Amino acid sequence: MSTTYRLKASTLDESFLEDLKATYGDQEIEITVSEFNETDYLLKSEVNKQRLLQAIENVKQRKKLVEIPLDNLE
């Protein structure tokens, strides 16, 4: 069985360890820690990368923007 937890290091506490113990009991587990960079993840797919770069270009050129009057946010 494999489980991935994605969380901020600052949220690690005793309850996280208790949850791990409750889930895996006395089984041997391996914990691997790696930093998660959302930008790298989003740019990994070439299709997604091109969509994001095009969206940035659209904003720079003020094209294809949706404007919502602040009065509509109430």
C-alpha atoms as a PDB file:
ATOM      1  CA  MET A   1       0.000   0.000   0.000  1.00  0.00           C
ATOM      2  CA  SER A   2       1.218   3.477  -0.822  1.00  0.00           C
ATOM      3  CA  THR A   3      -0.104   6.771   0.519  1.00  0.00           C
ATOM      4  CA  THR A   4       1.027  10.291  -0.289  1.00  0.00           C
ATOM      5  CA  TYR A   5       0.547  13.089   2.224  1.00  0.00           C
ATOM      6  CA  ARG A   6       1.007  16.650   1.000  1.00  0.00           C
ATOM      7  CA  LEU A   7       1.137  19.235   3.770  1.00  0.00           C
ATOM      8  CA  LYS A   8       3.090  22.139   5.133  1.00  0.00           C
ATOM      9  CA  ALA A   9       5.895  21.145   7.494  1.00  0.00           C
ATOM     10  CA  SER A  10       4.604  23.683  10.007  1.00  0.00           C
ATOM     11  CA  THR A  11       1.390  21.650  10.387  1.00  0.00           C
ATOM     12  CA  LEU A  12       3.148  18.473  11.488  1.00  0.00           C
ATOM     13  CA  ASP A  13       2.117  17.598  15.015  1.00  0.00           C
ATOM     14  CA  GLU A  14       1.468  14.678  17.336  1.00  0.00           C
ATOM     15  CA  SER A  15      -1.919  13.965  15.708  1.00  0.00           C
ATOM     16  CA  PHE A  16      -0.205  13.325  12.353  1.00  0.00           C
ATOM     17  CA  LEU A  17       1.992  10.687  13.978  1.00  0.00           C
ATOM     18  CA  GLU A  18      -1.019   9.173  15.709  1.00  0.00           C
ATOM     19  CA  ASP A  19      -2.828   8.963  12.363  1.00  0.00           C
ATOM     20  CA  LEU A  20       0.170   7.179  10.829  1.00  0.00           C
ATOM     21  CA  LYS A  21       0.264   4.725  13.700  1.00  0.00           C
ATOM     22  CA  ALA A  22      -3.479   4.103  13.434  1.00  0.00           C
ATOM     23  CA  THR A  23      -3.225   3.523   9.682  1.00  0.00           C
ATOM     24  CA  TYR A  24      -0.136   1.286   9.622  1.00  0.00           C
ATOM     25  CA  GLY A  25      -0.147  -0.292  13.065  1.00  0.00           C
ATOM     26  CA  ASP A  26       3.027  -2.293  13.631  1.00  0.00           C
ATOM     27  CA  GLN A  27       3.970  -2.495   9.939  1.00  0.00           C
ATOM     28  CA  GLU A  28       7.354  -1.233   8.819  1.00  0.00           C
ATOM     29  CA  ILE A  29       6.962   1.963   6.785  1.00  0.00           C
ATOM     30  CA  GLU A  30       9.321   4.182   4.831  1.00  0.00           C
ATOM     31  CA  ILE A  31       9.014   7.966   5.015  1.00  0.00           C
ATOM     32  CA  THR A  32      10.480  10.035   2.183  1.00  0.00           C
ATOM     33  CA  VAL A  33      10.442  13.821   2.425  1.00  0.00           C
ATOM     34  CA  SER A  34      10.729  16.060  -0.615  1.00  0.00           C
ATOM     35  CA  GLU A  35      10.000  19.701  -1.170  1.00  0.00           C
ATOM     36  CA  PHE A  36       6.996  20.351  -3.395  1.00  0.00           C
ATOM     37  CA  ASN A  37       7.239  23.231  -5.838  1.00  0.00           C
ATOM     38  CA  GLU A  38       3.864  23.992  -7.413  1.00  0.00           C
ATOM     39  CA  THR A  39       5.386  25.960 -10.283  1.00  0.00           C
ATOM     40  CA  ASP A  40       7.601  23.056 -11.327  1.00  0.00           C
ATOM     41  CA  TYR A  41       4.632  20.701 -11.086  1.00  0.00           C
ATOM     42  CA  LEU A  42       2.408  22.932 -13.242  1.00  0.00           C
ATOM     43  CA  LEU A  43       5.119  23.367 -15.877  1.00  0.00           C
ATOM     44  CA  LYS A  44       5.942  19.647 -16.090  1.00  0.00           C
ATOM     45  CA  SER A  45       3.261  18.971 -18.718  1.00  0.00           C
ATOM     46  CA  GLU A  46       4.121  20.637 -22.035  1.00  0.00           C
ATOM     47  CA  VAL A  47       0.440  21.267 -22.812  1.00  0.00           C
ATOM     48  CA  ASN A  48      -0.179  22.857 -19.417  1.00  0.00           C
ATOM     49  CA  LYS A  49       3.024  24.869 -19.688  1.00  0.00           C
ATOM     50  CA  GLN A  50       1.930  26.345 -23.037  1.00  0.00           C
ATOM     51  CA  ARG A  51      -1.536  27.207 -21.662  1.00  0.00           C
ATOM     52  CA  LEU A  52      -0.010  28.989 -18.664  1.00  0.00           C
ATOM     53  CA  LEU A  53       2.533  30.893 -20.748  1.00  0.00           C
ATOM     54  CA  GLN A  54      -0.222  31.941 -23.166  1.00  0.00           C
ATOM     55  CA  ALA A  55      -2.378  33.116 -20.248  1.00  0.00           C
ATOM     56  CA  ILE A  56       0.532  35.211 -18.940  1.00  0.00           C
ATOM     57  CA  GLU A  57       0.988  36.730 -22.389  1.00  0.00           C
ATOM     58  CA  ASN A  58      -2.743  37.473 -22.602  1.00  0.00           C
ATOM     59  CA  VAL A  59      -2.602  39.344 -19.295  1.00  0.00           C
ATOM     60  CA  LYS A  60       0.431  41.341 -20.414  1.00  0.00           C
ATOM     61  CA  GLN A  61      -1.384  42.316 -23.621  1.00  0.00           C
ATOM     62  CA  ARG A  62      -4.715  42.793 -21.775  1.00  0.00           C
ATOM     63  CA  LYS A  63      -6.383  40.259 -24.097  1.00  0.00           C
ATOM     64  CA  LYS A  64      -9.123  37.753 -23.206  1.00  0.00           C
ATOM     65  CA  LEU A  65      -9.592  39.245 -19.739  1.00  0.00           C
ATOM     66  CA  VAL A  66     -12.795  38.975 -17.747  1.00  0.00           C
ATOM     67  CA  GLU A  67     -13.498  42.074 -15.695  1.00  0.00           C
ATOM     68  CA  ILE A  68     -15.955  42.016 -12.815  1.00  0.00           C
ATOM     69  CA  PRO A  69     -17.066  45.296 -11.257  1.00  0.00           C
ATOM     70  CA  LEU A  70     -16.295  45.410  -7.526  1.00  0.00           C
ATOM     71  CA  ASP A  71     -19.958  46.203  -6.841  1.00  0.00           C
ATOM     72  CA  ASN A  72     -20.824  42.683  -8.040  1.00  0.00           C
ATOM     73  CA  LEU A  73     -18.699  41.066  -5.312  1.00  0.00           C
ATOM     74  CA  GLU A  74     -21.076  41.835  -2.463  1.00  0.00           C
END
